[in-house]
Amino acid sequence: MRGFKRVVLLLVVLVVVLVVLGFVLENQQGVSLSFLGWATAQMPVAVFVVLALIVGMLIGPLLGVLVGSRRRKKAFAERG
C-alpha cells in the first residue's frame, strides 16, 4: 500500500510538472509591467504569473496564521 501511494504521488507530481512546463512554453510573449511609475524589464508572461503564484502561496498561509491567532486570543479573552 505504501508503494502504491508513492507511485500515485509521483504520477501527480509528474502531471503537475508537465502542466507547468506546457504553461511556460505557451506563454513566451514578452511583457513589461508598470505600477505607480515603477516598470519591470520585459520578461515572458509565465514568469510574472509564476511569481504571483509563489507570492500568493507565501502570503495566504501567513495571513491564515495571523487571523487564526487573533481568533484564538479573542476566544481565550472571552472565556476569562
N, C-alpha and C. Protein backbone atom coordinates (compact mmCIF):
# COMPACT_ATOMS: atom_id res chain seq x y z
N MET A 1 0.82 -1.19 0.00
CA MET A 1 0.00 0.00 0.00
C MET A 1 0.87 1.26 0.00
N ARG A 2 1.96 1.20 0.74
CA ARG A 2 2.86 2.35 0.82
C ARG A 2 3.50 2.64 -0.53
N GLY A 3 3.87 1.58 -1.24
CA GLY A 3 4.46 1.74 -2.56
C GLY A 3 3.46 2.30 -3.56
N PHE A 4 2.20 1.91 -3.43
CA PHE A 4 1.15 2.42 -4.31
C PHE A 4 0.97 3.92 -4.12
N LYS A 5 0.98 4.37 -2.87
CA LYS A 5 0.84 5.79 -2.57
C LYS A 5 2.01 6.59 -3.16
N ARG A 6 3.18 6.03 -3.08
CA ARG A 6 4.36 6.71 -3.65
C ARG A 6 4.25 6.82 -5.16
N VAL A 7 3.77 5.76 -5.82
CA VAL A 7 3.61 5.78 -7.27
C VAL A 7 2.55 6.82 -7.66
N VAL A 8 1.43 6.86 -6.94
CA VAL A 8 0.39 7.84 -7.22
C VAL A 8 0.92 9.25 -7.01
N LEU A 9 1.64 9.48 -5.92
CA LEU A 9 2.22 10.80 -5.66
C LEU A 9 3.20 11.19 -6.76
N LEU A 10 4.02 10.26 -7.19
CA LEU A 10 4.97 10.52 -8.27
C LEU A 10 4.24 10.89 -9.56
N LEU A 11 3.16 10.18 -9.87
CA LEU A 11 2.38 10.48 -11.07
C LEU A 11 1.72 11.86 -10.98
N VAL A 12 1.20 12.20 -9.82
CA VAL A 12 0.58 13.52 -9.63
C VAL A 12 1.62 14.62 -9.81
N VAL A 13 2.79 14.45 -9.20
CA VAL A 13 3.86 15.44 -9.33
C VAL A 13 4.29 15.55 -10.79
N LEU A 14 4.40 14.45 -11.48
CA LEU A 14 4.78 14.45 -12.89
C LEU A 14 3.76 15.20 -13.73
N VAL A 15 2.48 14.97 -13.49
CA VAL A 15 1.43 15.67 -14.22
C VAL A 15 1.50 17.17 -13.95
N VAL A 16 1.69 17.57 -12.70
CA VAL A 16 1.80 18.99 -12.36
C VAL A 16 2.99 19.62 -13.07
N VAL A 17 4.12 18.94 -13.07
CA VAL A 17 5.32 19.45 -13.74
C VAL A 17 5.06 19.60 -15.24
N LEU A 18 4.40 18.64 -15.85
CA LEU A 18 4.10 18.73 -17.28
C LEU A 18 3.13 19.87 -17.58
N VAL A 19 2.15 20.09 -16.72
CA VAL A 19 1.20 21.19 -16.92
C VAL A 19 1.93 22.53 -16.81
N VAL A 20 2.78 22.68 -15.80
CA VAL A 20 3.54 23.92 -15.63
C VAL A 20 4.47 24.13 -16.83
N LEU A 21 5.13 23.08 -17.27
CA LEU A 21 6.01 23.19 -18.43
C LEU A 21 5.23 23.61 -19.67
N GLY A 22 4.07 23.02 -19.89
CA GLY A 22 3.23 23.41 -21.01
C GLY A 22 2.79 24.86 -20.91
N PHE A 23 2.44 25.30 -19.70
CA PHE A 23 2.04 26.69 -19.49
C PHE A 23 3.19 27.64 -19.84
N VAL A 24 4.36 27.31 -19.36
CA VAL A 24 5.52 28.17 -19.61
C VAL A 24 5.85 28.23 -21.10
N LEU A 25 5.78 27.09 -21.77
CA LEU A 25 6.10 27.06 -23.20
C LEU A 25 5.06 27.79 -24.04
N GLU A 26 3.81 27.82 -23.58
CA GLU A 26 2.75 28.50 -24.33
C GLU A 26 2.71 30.00 -24.07
N ASN A 27 3.39 30.48 -23.04
CA ASN A 27 3.32 31.89 -22.66
C ASN A 27 4.70 32.52 -22.69
N GLN A 28 5.28 32.55 -23.85
CA GLN A 28 6.62 33.11 -24.03
C GLN A 28 6.61 34.56 -24.51
N GLN A 29 5.42 35.14 -24.67
CA GLN A 29 5.36 36.53 -25.14
C GLN A 29 5.99 37.43 -24.08
N GLY A 30 6.78 38.37 -24.55
CA GLY A 30 7.42 39.30 -23.63
C GLY A 30 6.49 40.44 -23.25
N VAL A 31 6.43 40.75 -21.96
CA VAL A 31 5.63 41.87 -21.48
C VAL A 31 6.43 42.62 -20.42
N SER A 32 6.04 43.85 -20.20
CA SER A 32 6.63 44.66 -19.14
C SER A 32 5.50 45.17 -18.28
N LEU A 33 5.62 45.04 -16.99
CA LEU A 33 4.59 45.52 -16.07
C LEU A 33 5.01 46.88 -15.52
N SER A 34 4.04 47.77 -15.36
CA SER A 34 4.33 49.05 -14.72
C SER A 34 3.26 49.30 -13.66
N PHE A 35 3.70 49.83 -12.52
CA PHE A 35 2.81 50.09 -11.40
C PHE A 35 3.36 51.27 -10.61
N LEU A 36 2.56 52.33 -10.51
CA LEU A 36 2.94 53.53 -9.77
C LEU A 36 4.29 54.10 -10.21
N GLY A 37 4.51 54.11 -11.52
CA GLY A 37 5.74 54.66 -12.05
C GLY A 37 6.92 53.71 -12.06
N TRP A 38 6.76 52.55 -11.49
CA TRP A 38 7.83 51.55 -11.46
C TRP A 38 7.56 50.54 -12.57
N ALA A 39 8.55 50.24 -13.38
CA ALA A 39 8.37 49.31 -14.50
C ALA A 39 9.39 48.18 -14.41
N THR A 40 8.97 47.01 -14.84
CA THR A 40 9.86 45.86 -14.84
C THR A 40 10.51 45.73 -16.21
N ALA A 41 11.52 44.91 -16.27
CA ALA A 41 12.12 44.56 -17.55
C ALA A 41 11.14 43.69 -18.32
N GLN A 42 11.33 43.58 -19.61
CA GLN A 42 10.45 42.75 -20.42
C GLN A 42 10.82 41.28 -20.21
N MET A 43 9.83 40.51 -19.74
CA MET A 43 10.01 39.09 -19.47
C MET A 43 8.79 38.34 -19.97
N PRO A 44 8.90 37.02 -20.11
CA PRO A 44 7.73 36.24 -20.54
C PRO A 44 6.58 36.33 -19.53
N VAL A 45 5.36 36.23 -20.04
CA VAL A 45 4.17 36.29 -19.20
C VAL A 45 4.24 35.23 -18.10
N ALA A 46 4.72 34.05 -18.43
CA ALA A 46 4.76 32.95 -17.47
C ALA A 46 5.58 33.31 -16.23
N VAL A 47 6.61 34.10 -16.39
CA VAL A 47 7.44 34.49 -15.24
C VAL A 47 6.61 35.26 -14.24
N PHE A 48 5.85 36.23 -14.73
CA PHE A 48 5.03 37.05 -13.83
C PHE A 48 3.92 36.22 -13.16
N VAL A 49 3.32 35.32 -13.93
CA VAL A 49 2.24 34.50 -13.38
C VAL A 49 2.79 33.56 -12.31
N VAL A 50 3.91 32.92 -12.57
CA VAL A 50 4.51 32.01 -11.59
C VAL A 50 4.96 32.77 -10.35
N LEU A 51 5.53 33.96 -10.51
CA LEU A 51 5.91 34.77 -9.36
C LEU A 51 4.69 35.17 -8.53
N ALA A 52 3.61 35.54 -9.19
CA ALA A 52 2.38 35.88 -8.47
C ALA A 52 1.85 34.67 -7.70
N LEU A 53 1.94 33.50 -8.31
CA LEU A 53 1.50 32.28 -7.63
C LEU A 53 2.34 32.01 -6.39
N ILE A 54 3.64 32.14 -6.50
CA ILE A 54 4.53 31.89 -5.37
C ILE A 54 4.28 32.89 -4.25
N VAL A 55 4.14 34.17 -4.60
CA VAL A 55 3.87 35.19 -3.58
C VAL A 55 2.54 34.90 -2.89
N GLY A 56 1.53 34.54 -3.66
CA GLY A 56 0.24 34.19 -3.06
C GLY A 56 0.32 32.98 -2.15
N MET A 57 1.12 32.00 -2.55
CA MET A 57 1.27 30.80 -1.72
C MET A 57 2.01 31.11 -0.43
N LEU A 58 2.83 32.15 -0.41
CA LEU A 58 3.52 32.54 0.81
C LEU A 58 2.65 33.44 1.69
N ILE A 59 1.95 34.39 1.09
CA ILE A 59 1.15 35.35 1.85
C ILE A 59 -0.11 34.70 2.42
N GLY A 60 -0.76 33.85 1.65
CA GLY A 60 -2.00 33.22 2.10
C GLY A 60 -1.88 32.50 3.44
N PRO A 61 -0.96 31.56 3.58
CA PRO A 61 -0.82 30.88 4.86
C PRO A 61 -0.39 31.82 6.00
N LEU A 62 0.43 32.81 5.70
CA LEU A 62 0.82 33.76 6.75
C LEU A 62 -0.39 34.53 7.27
N LEU A 63 -1.25 34.98 6.37
CA LEU A 63 -2.47 35.67 6.80
C LEU A 63 -3.38 34.72 7.58
N GLY A 64 -3.44 33.47 7.15
CA GLY A 64 -4.24 32.49 7.88
C GLY A 64 -3.75 32.28 9.30
N VAL A 65 -2.45 32.25 9.48
CA VAL A 65 -1.88 32.10 10.82
C VAL A 65 -2.19 33.33 11.67
N LEU A 66 -2.05 34.52 11.09
CA LEU A 66 -2.33 35.75 11.83
C LEU A 66 -3.79 35.84 12.25
N VAL A 67 -4.70 35.56 11.32
CA VAL A 67 -6.12 35.62 11.63
C VAL A 67 -6.48 34.55 12.66
N GLY A 68 -5.93 33.36 12.50
CA GLY A 68 -6.20 32.28 13.45
C GLY A 68 -5.72 32.59 14.84
N SER A 69 -4.55 33.20 14.95
CA SER A 69 -4.02 33.53 16.28
C SER A 69 -4.86 34.62 16.93
N ARG A 70 -5.35 35.57 16.15
CA ARG A 70 -6.21 36.63 16.71
C ARG A 70 -7.53 36.04 17.19
N ARG A 71 -8.07 35.11 16.43
CA ARG A 71 -9.33 34.47 16.86
C ARG A 71 -9.14 33.69 18.14
N ARG A 72 -8.01 32.98 18.24
CA ARG A 72 -7.75 32.22 19.46
C ARG A 72 -7.59 33.14 20.66
N LYS A 73 -6.87 34.26 20.47
CA LYS A 73 -6.70 35.22 21.56
C LYS A 73 -8.03 35.81 21.98
N LYS A 74 -8.88 36.14 21.01
CA LYS A 74 -10.18 36.72 21.31
C LYS A 74 -11.05 35.70 22.06
N ALA A 75 -11.07 34.46 21.59
CA ALA A 75 -11.86 33.42 22.24
C ALA A 75 -11.35 33.16 23.65
N PHE A 76 -10.04 33.18 23.84
CA PHE A 76 -9.46 32.96 25.16
C PHE A 76 -9.82 34.11 26.11
N ALA A 77 -9.80 35.35 25.60
CA ALA A 77 -10.12 36.52 26.43
C ALA A 77 -11.59 36.51 26.81
N GLU A 78 -12.46 36.02 25.95
CA GLU A 78 -13.90 35.99 26.26
C GLU A 78 -14.21 34.94 27.33
N ARG A 79 -13.43 33.87 27.36
CA ARG A 79 -13.65 32.83 28.38
C ARG A 79 -13.26 33.30 29.75
N GLY A 80 -12.28 34.15 29.77
CA GLY A 80 -11.95 34.76 31.04
C GLY A 80 -10.76 34.25 31.67
